[in-house]
Amino acid sequence: MTIKLSVEPRAKVLSSNSESGSHIVGVVYGPKFTATKVQVDKKEFEKLFKQVGESTVVELHGLEDPVEVLIKEVVFSPLKGAVVHVDFYALEMGKEITTHIPLHFINESPAVKEGAVIDKVLHEVVVTCTPDLLPAHIDVDLALLSTVGAKIHISDLFFPKGVVCKHDAHEAVVVAEAGRIEVTKADSVTVDSGESTAEED
């Protein structure tokens, strides 16, 4: 399913929109696309960004022709935390791109019942593929962590045909580490130095 987003050339948008905070300013650019300043409805963009992030192809409407892009960079206000600027990277369909894909951790690890703590070493991976093959995410099945000390490596992940992971196959993605043992007062041994249990000669 194609994700669509409406934008407007910034020169055609009334400045009062920016001042009232109803729009987010941005720019569309790419290897074969002339950089174009745009504005997008704030609520519409924020809703879309929560759903797709930076790893889904979005089709922009409102310019001369529809443009397929990736959300390349999002700038947030240091005071309010709201989005204030966005970069859209115009894609060349059929040409490979290299980008980050988020990892989705699914199921539960049996090792947790043995006291293991799940350490997620990676939260995203770098892949190369054509835009039409770009996956929204890659699943990591925690059920593979059956014992304490078990690891899931890049080689254990499934990447769709045509999607090449740029990481080393032996790189750890997630580890079932031994949990920290807490010693309680009931478990501790108290030695009374003032008394001796052995008889002196």
C-alpha atoms as a PDB file:
ATOM      1  CA  MET A   1       0.000   0.000   0.000  1.00  0.00           C
ATOM      2  CA  THR A   2       1.310   3.435  -0.984  1.00  0.00           C
ATOM      3  CA  ILE A   3       1.579   5.967   1.839  1.00  0.00           C
ATOM      4  CA  LYS A   4       0.574   9.423   0.600  1.00  0.00           C
ATOM      5  CA  LEU A   5       1.250  12.864   2.071  1.00  0.00           C
ATOM      6  CA  SER A   6       0.124  16.268   0.819  1.00  0.00           C
ATOM      7  CA  VAL A   7       2.671  19.101   0.698  1.00  0.00           C
ATOM      8  CA  GLU A   8       2.673  22.645  -0.690  1.00  0.00           C
ATOM      9  CA  PRO A   9       5.488  24.688  -2.214  1.00  0.00           C
ATOM     10  CA  ARG A  10       6.506  27.007   0.594  1.00  0.00           C
ATOM     11  CA  ALA A  11       6.202  30.156  -1.562  1.00  0.00           C
ATOM     12  CA  LYS A  12       2.494  29.450  -2.076  1.00  0.00           C
ATOM     13  CA  VAL A  13       1.695  29.069   1.629  1.00  0.00           C
ATOM     14  CA  LEU A  14       0.725  32.101   3.682  1.00  0.00           C
ATOM     15  CA  SER A  15       3.378  32.974   6.252  1.00  0.00           C
ATOM     16  CA  SER A  16       0.672  33.151   8.928  1.00  0.00           C
ATOM     17  CA  ASN A  17       0.414  29.367   8.767  1.00  0.00           C
ATOM     18  CA  SER A  18       3.996  28.979   9.960  1.00  0.00           C
ATOM     19  CA  GLU A  19       3.555  31.573  12.663  1.00  0.00           C
ATOM     20  CA  SER A  20       0.459  29.879  14.029  1.00  0.00           C
ATOM     21  CA  GLY A  21       2.205  26.521  14.101  1.00  0.00           C
ATOM     22  CA  SER A  22      -0.240  24.804  11.752  1.00  0.00           C
ATOM     23  CA  HIS A  23       2.483  23.810   9.269  1.00  0.00           C
ATOM     24  CA  ILE A  24       5.965  22.293   9.353  1.00  0.00           C
ATOM     25  CA  VAL A  25       8.572  23.606   6.939  1.00  0.00           C
ATOM     26  CA  GLY A  26      10.728  21.226   4.948  1.00  0.00           C
ATOM     27  CA  VAL A  27      12.679  20.548   1.797  1.00  0.00           C
ATOM     28  CA  VAL A  28      12.520  17.881  -0.907  1.00  0.00           C
ATOM     29  CA  TYR A  29      15.829  16.984  -2.578  1.00  0.00           C
ATOM     30  CA  GLY A  30      17.597  14.131  -4.316  1.00  0.00           C
ATOM     31  CA  PRO A  31      20.273  13.175  -6.869  1.00  0.00           C
ATOM     32  CA  LYS A  32      17.984  14.027  -9.771  1.00  0.00           C
ATOM     33  CA  PHE A  33      15.501  16.300  -8.023  1.00  0.00           C
ATOM     34  CA  THR A  34      15.934  20.065  -7.706  1.00  0.00           C
ATOM     35  CA  ALA A  35      15.764  21.070  -4.038  1.00  0.00           C
ATOM     36  CA  THR A  36      12.291  22.420  -3.354  1.00  0.00           C
ATOM     37  CA  LYS A  37      11.129  24.142  -0.174  1.00  0.00           C
ATOM     38  CA  VAL A  38       7.774  22.853   1.046  1.00  0.00           C
ATOM     39  CA  GLN A  39       5.364  23.006   3.953  1.00  0.00           C
ATOM     40  CA  VAL A  40       3.202  20.192   5.284  1.00  0.00           C
ATOM     41  CA  ASP A  41       0.243  20.171   7.637  1.00  0.00           C
ATOM     42  CA  LYS A  42       1.622  19.608  11.137  1.00  0.00           C
ATOM     43  CA  LYS A  43      -1.033  17.203  12.413  1.00  0.00           C
ATOM     44  CA  GLU A  44      -1.023  15.180   9.192  1.00  0.00           C
ATOM     45  CA  PHE A  45       2.767  14.793   9.206  1.00  0.00           C
ATOM     46  CA  GLU A  46       3.060  13.921  12.892  1.00  0.00           C
ATOM     47  CA  LYS A  47       0.372  11.235  12.522  1.00  0.00           C
ATOM     48  CA  LEU A  48       2.119   9.753   9.485  1.00  0.00           C
ATOM     49  CA  PHE A  49       5.590   9.896  11.063  1.00  0.00           C
ATOM     50  CA  LYS A  50       4.413   7.912  14.101  1.00  0.00           C
ATOM     51  CA  GLN A  51       3.135   5.209  11.752  1.00  0.00           C
ATOM     52  CA  VAL A  52       5.942   4.902   9.216  1.00  0.00           C
ATOM     53  CA  GLY A  53       9.100   6.483  10.686  1.00  0.00           C
ATOM     54  CA  GLU A  54      12.058   6.939   8.355  1.00  0.00           C
ATOM     55  CA  SER A  55      12.087   3.561   6.601  1.00  0.00           C
ATOM     56  CA  THR A  56       8.910   3.627   4.509  1.00  0.00           C
ATOM     57  CA  VAL A  57       8.505   5.081   1.030  1.00  0.00           C
ATOM     58  CA  VAL A  58       6.084   8.023   1.080  1.00  0.00           C
ATOM     59  CA  GLU A  59       4.464   9.521  -2.028  1.00  0.00           C
ATOM     60  CA  LEU A  60       4.290  13.319  -1.873  1.00  0.00           C
ATOM     61  CA  HIS A  61       1.422  15.095  -3.622  1.00  0.00           C
ATOM     62  CA  GLY A  62       1.060  18.818  -4.253  1.00  0.00           C
ATOM     63  CA  LEU A  63       4.132  19.494  -6.406  1.00  0.00           C
ATOM     64  CA  GLU A  64       4.165  19.360 -10.212  1.00  0.00           C
ATOM     65  CA  ASP A  65       4.204  15.555 -10.124  1.00  0.00           C
ATOM     66  CA  PRO A  66       3.936  12.953  -7.340  1.00  0.00           C
ATOM     67  CA  VAL A  67       7.353  12.271  -5.780  1.00  0.00           C
ATOM     68  CA  GLU A  68       8.365   9.118  -3.914  1.00  0.00           C
ATOM     69  CA  VAL A  69      10.563   9.971  -0.926  1.00  0.00           C
ATOM     70  CA  LEU A  70      12.000   8.790   2.344  1.00  0.00           C
ATOM     71  CA  ILE A  71      11.741  10.939   5.452  1.00  0.00           C
ATOM     72  CA  LYS A  72      15.465  11.616   5.720  1.00  0.00           C
ATOM     73  CA  GLU A  73      15.771  13.857   8.757  1.00  0.00           C
ATOM     74  CA  VAL A  74      13.365  15.328  11.280  1.00  0.00           C
ATOM     75  CA  VAL A  75      14.337  18.281  13.489  1.00  0.00           C
ATOM     76  CA  PHE A  76      12.582  18.761  16.828  1.00  0.00           C
ATOM     77  CA  SER A  77      12.265  21.928  18.899  1.00  0.00           C
ATOM     78  CA  PRO A  78      14.617  21.721  21.927  1.00  0.00           C
ATOM     79  CA  LEU A  79      12.017  23.547  24.032  1.00  0.00           C
ATOM     80  CA  LYS A  80       8.648  22.057  23.071  1.00  0.00           C
ATOM     81  CA  GLY A  81       9.802  18.816  21.446  1.00  0.00           C
ATOM     82  CA  ALA A  82       7.576  19.435  18.430  1.00  0.00           C
ATOM     83  CA  VAL A  83       8.691  18.827  14.834  1.00  0.00           C
ATOM     84  CA  VAL A  84       9.948  22.067  13.255  1.00  0.00           C
ATOM     85  CA  HIS A  85      11.641  20.879  10.052  1.00  0.00           C
ATOM     86  CA  VAL A  86      11.733  17.786   7.855  1.00  0.00           C
ATOM     87  CA  ASP A  87      13.944  16.662   4.964  1.00  0.00           C
ATOM     88  CA  PHE A  88      12.385  14.484   2.255  1.00  0.00           C
ATOM     89  CA  TYR A  89      14.830  12.498   0.089  1.00  0.00           C
ATOM     90  CA  ALA A  90      13.517  12.016  -3.453  1.00  0.00           C
ATOM     91  CA  LEU A  91      14.166   8.476  -4.652  1.00  0.00           C
ATOM     92  CA  GLU A  92      15.206   7.147  -8.041  1.00  0.00           C
ATOM     93  CA  MET A  93      12.970   4.126  -8.472  1.00  0.00           C
ATOM     94  CA  GLY A  94      14.960   1.097  -9.550  1.00  0.00           C
ATOM     95  CA  LYS A  95      18.203   2.455  -8.096  1.00  0.00           C
ATOM     96  CA  GLU A  96      19.520   0.922  -4.869  1.00  0.00           C
ATOM     97  CA  ILE A  97      19.607   2.952  -1.671  1.00  0.00           C
ATOM     98  CA  THR A  98      21.270   2.318   1.684  1.00  0.00           C
ATOM     99  CA  THR A  99      19.257   3.180   4.775  1.00  0.00           C
ATOM    100  CA  HIS A 100      18.406   2.183   8.350  1.00  0.00           C
ATOM    101  CA  ILE A 101      15.576  -0.249   9.111  1.00  0.00           C
ATOM    102  CA  PRO A 102      14.155  -0.641  12.642  1.00  0.00           C
ATOM    103  CA  LEU A 103      14.144  -4.009  14.405  1.00  0.00           C
ATOM    104  CA  HIS A 104      10.902  -5.349  15.884  1.00  0.00           C
ATOM    105  CA  PHE A 105      11.376  -7.757  18.785  1.00  0.00           C
ATOM    106  CA  ILE A 106       8.661 -10.398  18.875  1.00  0.00           C
ATOM    107  CA  ASN A 107       7.703 -13.253  21.239  1.00  0.00           C
ATOM    108  CA  GLU A 108       9.301 -13.952  24.617  1.00  0.00           C
ATOM    109  CA  SER A 109      12.615 -15.571  25.491  1.00  0.00           C
ATOM    110  CA  PRO A 110      12.433 -18.840  27.493  1.00  0.00           C
ATOM    111  CA  ALA A 111      15.729 -17.800  29.088  1.00  0.00           C
ATOM    112  CA  VAL A 112      13.929 -15.101  31.078  1.00  0.00           C
ATOM    113  CA  LYS A 113      12.354 -17.845  33.212  1.00  0.00           C
ATOM    114  CA  GLU A 114      15.906 -18.914  34.076  1.00  0.00           C
ATOM    115  CA  GLY A 115      16.696 -15.413  35.315  1.00  0.00           C
ATOM    116  CA  ALA A 116      18.210 -14.019  32.127  1.00  0.00           C
ATOM    117  CA  VAL A 117      18.132 -10.320  31.276  1.00  0.00           C
ATOM    118  CA  ILE A 118      17.522  -9.507  27.585  1.00  0.00           C
ATOM    119  CA  ASP A 119      20.120  -7.047  26.276  1.00  0.00           C
ATOM    120  CA  LYS A 120      19.074  -5.539  22.934  1.00  0.00           C
ATOM    121  CA  VAL A 121      22.410  -4.617  21.375  1.00  0.00           C
ATOM    122  CA  LEU A 122      20.938  -3.299  18.109  1.00  0.00           C
ATOM    123  CA  HIS A 123      17.670  -1.481  17.524  1.00  0.00           C
ATOM    124  CA  GLU A 124      18.096  -0.973  13.771  1.00  0.00           C
ATOM    125  CA  VAL A 125      20.148  -2.348  10.895  1.00  0.00           C
ATOM    126  CA  VAL A 126      21.584  -0.866   7.718  1.00  0.00           C
ATOM    127  CA  VAL A 127      20.368  -2.423   4.468  1.00  0.00           C
ATOM    128  CA  THR A 128      20.779  -1.849   0.745  1.00  0.00           C
ATOM    129  CA  CYS A 129      17.964  -2.463  -1.740  1.00  0.00           C
ATOM    130  CA  THR A 130      15.775  -0.764  -4.310  1.00  0.00           C
ATOM    131  CA  PRO A 131      12.984   1.437  -2.854  1.00  0.00           C
ATOM    132  CA  ASP A 132      10.221  -0.951  -3.907  1.00  0.00           C
ATOM    133  CA  LEU A 133      11.768  -3.751  -1.813  1.00  0.00           C
ATOM    134  CA  LEU A 134      12.418  -1.671   1.299  1.00  0.00           C
ATOM    135  CA  PRO A 135      10.872  -3.433   4.328  1.00  0.00           C
ATOM    136  CA  ALA A 136       9.196  -1.380   7.067  1.00  0.00           C
ATOM    137  CA  HIS A 137      11.051  -3.391   9.712  1.00  0.00           C
ATOM    138  CA  ILE A 138      12.905  -6.638  10.407  1.00  0.00           C
ATOM    139  CA  ASP A 139      11.574  -9.091  12.996  1.00  0.00           C
ATOM    140  CA  VAL A 140      13.795 -10.506  15.745  1.00  0.00           C
ATOM    141  CA  ASP A 141      12.325 -13.649  17.352  1.00  0.00           C
ATOM    142  CA  LEU A 142      13.294 -13.640  21.046  1.00  0.00           C
ATOM    143  CA  ALA A 143      12.039 -17.237  21.326  1.00  0.00           C
ATOM    144  CA  LEU A 144      15.407 -18.242  19.849  1.00  0.00           C
ATOM    145  CA  LEU A 145      17.040 -17.233  23.160  1.00  0.00           C
ATOM    146  CA  SER A 146      16.358 -20.551  24.891  1.00  0.00           C
ATOM    147  CA  THR A 147      19.107 -20.456  27.539  1.00  0.00           C
ATOM    148  CA  VAL A 148      21.136 -17.973  29.562  1.00  0.00           C
ATOM    149  CA  GLY A 149      24.064 -16.797  27.439  1.00  0.00           C
ATOM    150  CA  ALA A 150      22.292 -17.399  24.129  1.00  0.00           C
ATOM    151  CA  LYS A 151      22.668 -14.810  21.366  1.00  0.00           C
ATOM    152  CA  ILE A 152      20.861 -13.869  18.196  1.00  0.00           C
ATOM    153  CA  HIS A 153      23.230 -12.805  15.426  1.00  0.00           C
ATOM    154  CA  ILE A 154      22.654 -10.960  12.179  1.00  0.00           C
ATOM    155  CA  SER A 155      22.870 -14.331  10.419  1.00  0.00           C
ATOM    156  CA  ASP A 156      19.784 -15.484  12.379  1.00  0.00           C
ATOM    157  CA  LEU A 157      17.572 -12.730  10.941  1.00  0.00           C
ATOM    158  CA  PHE A 158      15.428 -13.072   7.838  1.00  0.00           C
ATOM    159  CA  PHE A 159      15.895 -10.459   5.130  1.00  0.00           C
ATOM    160  CA  PRO A 160      13.544 -10.472   2.110  1.00  0.00           C
ATOM    161  CA  LYS A 161      14.952 -11.312  -1.301  1.00  0.00           C
ATOM    162  CA  GLY A 162      16.798  -8.359  -2.758  1.00  0.00           C
ATOM    163  CA  VAL A 163      17.480  -6.785   0.650  1.00  0.00           C
ATOM    164  CA  VAL A 164      21.159  -6.941   1.649  1.00  0.00           C
ATOM    165  CA  CYS A 165      22.195  -6.337   5.252  1.00  0.00           C
ATOM    166  CA  LYS A 166      25.427  -4.358   5.568  1.00  0.00           C
ATOM    167  CA  HIS A 167      26.363  -5.755   9.001  1.00  0.00           C
ATOM    168  CA  ASP A 168      28.786  -8.593   9.698  1.00  0.00           C
ATOM    169  CA  ALA A 169      26.917 -11.900   9.869  1.00  0.00           C
ATOM    170  CA  HIS A 170      28.430 -12.668  13.291  1.00  0.00           C
ATOM    171  CA  GLU A 171      27.427  -9.352  14.897  1.00  0.00           C
ATOM    172  CA  ALA A 172      25.217  -9.824  17.961  1.00  0.00           C
ATOM    173  CA  VAL A 173      21.711  -8.379  17.823  1.00  0.00           C
ATOM    174  CA  VAL A 174      20.396  -9.400  21.234  1.00  0.00           C
ATOM    175  CA  VAL A 175      21.854 -11.390  24.147  1.00  0.00           C
ATOM    176  CA  ALA A 176      20.280 -13.308  27.045  1.00  0.00           C
ATOM    177  CA  GLU A 177      22.643 -12.250  29.811  1.00  0.00           C
ATOM    178  CA  ALA A 178      22.836 -13.801  33.259  1.00  0.00           C
ATOM    179  CA  GLY A 179      20.699 -11.839  35.693  1.00  0.00           C
ATOM    180  CA  ARG A 180      22.240 -10.115  38.679  1.00  0.00           C
ATOM    181  CA  ILE A 181      21.870 -12.151  41.882  1.00  0.00           C
ATOM    182  CA  GLU A 182      20.798 -10.132  44.891  1.00  0.00           C
ATOM    183  CA  VAL A 183      21.891 -11.387  48.312  1.00  0.00           C
ATOM    184  CA  THR A 184      19.264 -10.881  51.018  1.00  0.00           C
ATOM    185  CA  LYS A 185      19.776 -10.851  54.779  1.00  0.00           C
ATOM    186  CA  ALA A 186      18.198 -14.275  55.002  1.00  0.00           C
ATOM    187  CA  ASP A 187      20.767 -15.663  52.560  1.00  0.00           C
ATOM    188  CA  SER A 188      23.807 -14.043  54.198  1.00  0.00           C
ATOM    189  CA  VAL A 189      25.960 -15.803  56.797  1.00  0.00           C
ATOM    190  CA  THR A 190      26.666 -13.910  60.005  1.00  0.00           C
ATOM    191  CA  VAL A 191      29.876 -14.710  61.893  1.00  0.00           C
ATOM    192  CA  ASP A 192      30.041 -13.724  65.555  1.00  0.00           C
ATOM    193  CA  SER A 193      33.686 -12.941  66.259  1.00  0.00           C
ATOM    194  CA  GLY A 194      33.071 -12.763  70.028  1.00  0.00           C
ATOM    195  CA  GLU A 195      32.310 -16.465  70.490  1.00  0.00           C
ATOM    196  CA  SER A 196      34.138 -19.603  69.469  1.00  0.00           C
ATOM    197  CA  THR A 197      32.412 -22.851  68.624  1.00  0.00           C
ATOM    198  CA  ALA A 198      35.590 -24.861  69.071  1.00  0.00           C
ATOM    199  CA  GLU A 199      37.014 -25.872  72.467  1.00  0.00           C
ATOM    200  CA  GLU A 200      40.465 -24.586  73.300  1.00  0.00           C
ATOM    201  CA  ASP A 201      43.088 -26.948  74.739  1.00  0.00           C
END
